[in-house]
N, C-alpha and C. Protein backbone atom coordinates (compact mmCIF):
# COMPACT_ATOMS: atom_id res chain seq x y z
N MET A 1 1.13 -1.52 0.09
CA MET A 1 0.18 0.06 -0.04
C MET A 1 1.12 1.19 0.12
N ILE A 2 0.67 2.25 -0.91
CA ILE A 2 1.77 3.50 -0.76
C ILE A 2 0.70 4.22 0.02
N TYR A 3 1.36 5.26 0.85
CA TYR A 3 1.21 6.17 1.83
C TYR A 3 1.10 7.28 1.34
N GLN A 4 0.38 8.57 1.51
CA GLN A 4 0.47 9.69 0.29
C GLN A 4 0.25 10.42 1.79
N SER A 5 1.41 11.43 1.25
CA SER A 5 1.42 12.99 2.50
C SER A 5 0.78 13.86 1.80
N GLU A 6 0.73 15.19 2.30
CA GLU A 6 0.32 16.16 1.31
C GLU A 6 1.26 17.24 1.68
N ILE A 7 1.67 17.82 0.32
CA ILE A 7 2.51 19.08 0.47
C ILE A 7 1.88 20.50 0.05
N THR A 8 2.68 21.44 0.10
CA THR A 8 2.10 22.97 -0.11
C THR A 8 3.20 23.18 -1.15
N ILE A 9 2.97 23.68 -2.37
CA ILE A 9 3.85 24.06 -3.10
C ILE A 9 3.27 26.02 -3.83
N LYS A 10 4.13 26.49 -3.61
CA LYS A 10 3.77 27.59 -4.27
C LYS A 10 3.72 27.90 -6.39
N VAL A 11 2.76 27.98 -6.26
CA VAL A 11 2.35 28.47 -8.18
C VAL A 11 1.56 29.58 -8.59
N PRO A 12 1.54 30.13 -9.38
CA PRO A 12 1.06 31.68 -10.18
C PRO A 12 -0.36 31.36 -9.69
N SER A 13 -1.29 32.41 -9.43
CA SER A 13 -2.63 32.59 -8.98
C SER A 13 -3.29 31.78 -10.01
N GLU A 14 -2.91 32.35 -11.07
CA GLU A 14 -4.08 31.48 -12.30
C GLU A 14 -4.14 29.95 -12.18
N VAL A 15 -2.69 29.60 -11.99
CA VAL A 15 -2.55 27.82 -12.00
C VAL A 15 -3.41 27.58 -10.69
N ALA A 16 -3.41 28.00 -9.72
CA ALA A 16 -4.49 27.71 -8.41
C ALA A 16 -5.36 28.07 -8.56
N GLU A 17 -6.08 28.87 -9.24
CA GLU A 17 -7.55 29.05 -9.45
C GLU A 17 -7.71 27.52 -10.44
N ALA A 18 -7.14 27.68 -11.60
CA ALA A 18 -7.49 26.76 -12.49
C ALA A 18 -7.49 25.28 -11.83
N TYR A 19 -6.79 25.01 -11.04
CA TYR A 19 -6.75 23.48 -10.44
C TYR A 19 -7.98 23.18 -9.08
N ARG A 20 -8.11 24.71 -8.78
CA ARG A 20 -9.65 24.56 -7.75
C ARG A 20 -10.52 24.08 -8.51
N ASN A 21 -10.64 24.93 -9.85
CA ASN A 21 -11.89 24.31 -10.40
C ASN A 21 -11.80 23.14 -11.50
N ALA A 22 -10.76 22.57 -11.48
CA ALA A 22 -11.33 21.39 -12.02
C ALA A 22 -11.56 20.69 -11.29
N THR A 23 -12.33 19.31 -12.25
CA THR A 23 -12.89 18.14 -11.80
C THR A 23 -11.81 17.67 -10.80
N GLU A 24 -12.52 16.41 -10.11
CA GLU A 24 -11.68 15.88 -9.18
C GLU A 24 -11.08 14.93 -9.74
N GLU A 25 -11.29 14.36 -11.14
CA GLU A 25 -10.45 13.59 -11.80
C GLU A 25 -9.37 14.42 -12.34
N VAL A 26 -9.32 15.48 -12.91
CA VAL A 26 -8.57 16.26 -13.61
C VAL A 26 -7.35 16.09 -12.31
N GLN A 27 -7.93 16.83 -11.04
CA GLN A 27 -7.01 17.10 -10.02
C GLN A 27 -6.18 15.90 -9.95
N LYS A 28 -6.63 14.62 -9.63
CA LYS A 28 -6.16 13.46 -9.13
C LYS A 28 -5.02 12.94 -10.44
N GLN A 29 -5.05 13.43 -12.03
CA GLN A 29 -4.02 13.35 -12.80
C GLN A 29 -3.21 14.13 -12.90
N LEU A 30 -3.48 15.40 -12.44
CA LEU A 30 -2.15 16.54 -12.02
C LEU A 30 -1.37 16.17 -10.90
N GLN A 31 -1.72 15.50 -9.90
CA GLN A 31 -1.78 15.19 -8.87
C GLN A 31 -0.27 13.81 -9.06
N LEU A 32 -0.73 13.25 -9.73
CA LEU A 32 -0.07 12.03 -10.30
C LEU A 32 1.19 12.25 -11.00
N LYS A 33 0.80 13.30 -11.87
CA LYS A 33 1.91 13.82 -12.68
C LYS A 33 3.21 14.56 -12.05
N ILE A 34 2.79 15.24 -11.24
CA ILE A 34 3.06 16.51 -10.36
C ILE A 34 4.34 15.61 -9.37
N ALA A 35 3.50 14.50 -9.32
CA ALA A 35 4.60 13.33 -7.89
C ALA A 35 5.74 12.60 -8.91
N ALA A 36 5.31 12.76 -9.90
CA ALA A 36 6.29 11.93 -11.13
C ALA A 36 7.24 13.08 -11.22
N ILE A 37 7.42 14.06 -11.34
CA ILE A 37 8.20 15.03 -11.77
C ILE A 37 8.94 15.20 -10.46
N ILE A 38 8.61 15.24 -9.56
CA ILE A 38 9.01 15.35 -8.27
C ILE A 38 9.99 14.39 -8.34
N GLN A 39 9.48 13.20 -8.00
CA GLN A 39 10.40 11.85 -8.07
C GLN A 39 11.16 11.89 -8.91
N SER A 40 11.08 12.45 -9.99
CA SER A 40 12.11 12.34 -11.02
C SER A 40 13.49 13.13 -10.38
N GLN A 41 13.18 14.10 -10.00
CA GLN A 41 14.36 15.01 -9.42
C GLN A 41 14.81 14.49 -8.11
N PHE A 42 14.71 13.45 -7.64
CA PHE A 42 15.35 12.72 -6.48
C PHE A 42 15.85 11.16 -7.38
N THR A 43 16.16 11.06 -8.10
CA THR A 43 16.25 9.55 -8.85
C THR A 43 17.74 10.17 -8.76
N THR A 44 18.68 9.01 -8.35
CA THR A 44 20.02 9.05 -8.40
C THR A 44 20.62 8.36 -9.62
N PRO A 45 21.53 8.94 -9.41
CA PRO A 45 22.44 7.74 -11.15
C PRO A 45 22.69 6.27 -10.76
N ARG A 46 22.59 6.26 -9.55
CA ARG A 46 22.45 4.63 -8.97
C ARG A 46 21.27 3.96 -9.41
N GLN A 47 20.18 4.73 -8.87
CA GLN A 47 19.15 3.99 -9.26
C GLN A 47 18.57 3.87 -10.51
N GLU A 48 19.42 4.73 -11.09
CA GLU A 48 19.31 4.52 -12.69
C GLU A 48 19.99 3.13 -13.46
N ALA A 49 21.12 3.38 -12.70
CA ALA A 49 21.63 2.02 -13.36
C ALA A 49 21.37 0.79 -13.11
N ILE A 50 21.15 0.75 -11.59
CA ILE A 50 20.32 -0.69 -11.34
C ILE A 50 19.14 -0.71 -12.16
N ALA A 51 18.19 0.03 -12.41
CA ALA A 51 16.96 -0.04 -13.08
C ALA A 51 17.37 -0.21 -14.53
N CYS A 52 18.49 -0.04 -15.40
CA CYS A 52 19.04 -0.66 -16.38
C CYS A 52 19.73 -1.60 -16.18
N PHE A 53 20.29 -2.00 -15.35
CA PHE A 53 21.18 -3.40 -15.32
C PHE A 53 19.78 -4.03 -14.94
N ARG A 54 18.40 -4.04 -14.67
CA ARG A 54 17.49 -4.97 -14.45
C ARG A 54 17.15 -5.12 -15.50
N LYS A 55 16.83 -4.32 -16.62
CA LYS A 55 16.04 -4.10 -17.70
C LYS A 55 17.04 -5.27 -18.60
N VAL A 56 18.43 -5.13 -19.08
CA VAL A 56 19.47 -5.66 -19.54
C VAL A 56 19.66 -6.92 -18.83
N MET A 57 19.62 -7.70 -17.74
CA MET A 57 19.13 -9.11 -17.24
C MET A 57 17.79 -9.49 -17.53
N ASP A 58 16.90 -9.07 -17.39
CA ASP A 58 15.73 -9.31 -18.13
C ASP A 58 15.37 -10.15 -19.43
N LYS A 59 16.07 -8.68 -20.23
CA LYS A 59 16.20 -9.09 -21.73
C LYS A 59 17.30 -10.41 -21.97
N ALA A 60 18.29 -10.58 -21.23
CA ALA A 60 19.04 -11.55 -21.65
C ALA A 60 18.35 -12.79 -21.19
N SER A 61 17.31 -12.81 -19.93
CA SER A 61 16.79 -13.96 -19.80
C SER A 61 15.91 -14.49 -20.39
N GLN A 62 15.21 -13.60 -20.92
CA GLN A 62 14.09 -13.55 -21.92
C GLN A 62 14.77 -14.30 -23.15
N GLU A 63 15.57 -13.70 -23.81
CA GLU A 63 16.11 -14.33 -24.65
C GLU A 63 16.55 -15.74 -24.64
N ALA A 64 17.49 -16.11 -23.60
CA ALA A 64 17.96 -17.38 -23.37
C ALA A 64 16.74 -18.52 -23.27
N GLN A 65 15.87 -18.02 -22.55
CA GLN A 65 14.58 -18.66 -22.41
C GLN A 65 14.09 -19.09 -23.35
N GLU A 66 14.13 -18.10 -24.34
CA GLU A 66 13.28 -18.35 -25.80
C GLU A 66 14.16 -19.11 -27.32
N GLN A 67 15.62 -19.13 -26.36
CA GLN A 67 16.39 -20.05 -27.53
C GLN A 67 16.91 -21.52 -26.58
N GLY A 68 15.89 -21.85 -25.61
CA GLY A 68 15.59 -23.10 -25.28
C GLY A 68 16.59 -23.58 -23.60
N LEU A 69 17.38 -22.46 -23.08
CA LEU A 69 17.81 -22.77 -22.00
C LEU A 69 16.68 -22.83 -20.71
N THR A 70 17.04 -23.57 -20.08
CA THR A 70 16.02 -24.38 -18.93
C THR A 70 16.89 -24.14 -17.83
N PRO A 71 16.28 -24.16 -16.47
CA PRO A 71 16.92 -24.22 -15.32
C PRO A 71 17.74 -25.30 -15.18
N GLU A 72 17.35 -26.11 -15.78
CA GLU A 72 18.08 -27.37 -15.38
C GLU A 72 19.95 -27.51 -16.45
N ILE A 73 19.24 -27.14 -17.78
CA ILE A 73 20.64 -26.70 -18.45
C ILE A 73 21.58 -25.90 -17.72
N LEU A 74 21.06 -24.80 -17.12
CA LEU A 74 21.68 -23.57 -16.64
C LEU A 74 22.26 -24.36 -15.65
N GLU A 75 21.81 -25.11 -14.84
CA GLU A 75 22.66 -25.66 -13.04
C GLU A 75 23.59 -26.51 -13.78
N SER A 76 23.60 -27.22 -15.00
CA SER A 76 24.52 -28.16 -15.48
C SER A 76 25.69 -27.62 -15.70
N ILE A 77 25.30 -26.16 -16.78
CA ILE A 77 26.38 -25.58 -16.92
C ILE A 77 26.96 -24.75 -16.23
N LEU A 78 27.03 -24.59 -14.92
CA LEU A 78 26.79 -23.83 -13.79
C LEU A 78 28.09 -24.47 -12.79
N ASN A 79 27.48 -26.17 -12.87
CA ASN A 79 27.94 -27.43 -12.17
C ASN A 79 29.21 -27.71 -12.81
N ASN A 80 29.50 -27.59 -14.08
CA ASN A 80 30.53 -28.16 -15.21
C ASN A 80 31.86 -27.28 -14.86
N ASP A 81 32.68 -28.16 -14.08
CA ASP A 81 34.13 -27.95 -13.53
C ASP A 81 35.00 -27.59 -15.04
N GLU A 82 34.61 -27.84 -15.96
CA GLU A 82 35.51 -28.03 -17.38
C GLU A 82 35.68 -26.50 -18.00
């Protein structure tokens, strides 16, 4: 479960008024977009590298499975001392 907290940010008066006049659905969409923008500002290069590494590993795993590599074959390869 994701817990949400409220924050206050300063925006031009016109933006605040437009937000207050928006429908609840539009407000929710804007909240999600703003949260994503703020979160992206706190993403570290390490987190980006980890995410990239995971994508590469997932792709390699998928390609290996598509080419017939099974857990048993992999175990056999890893246990082969030659």
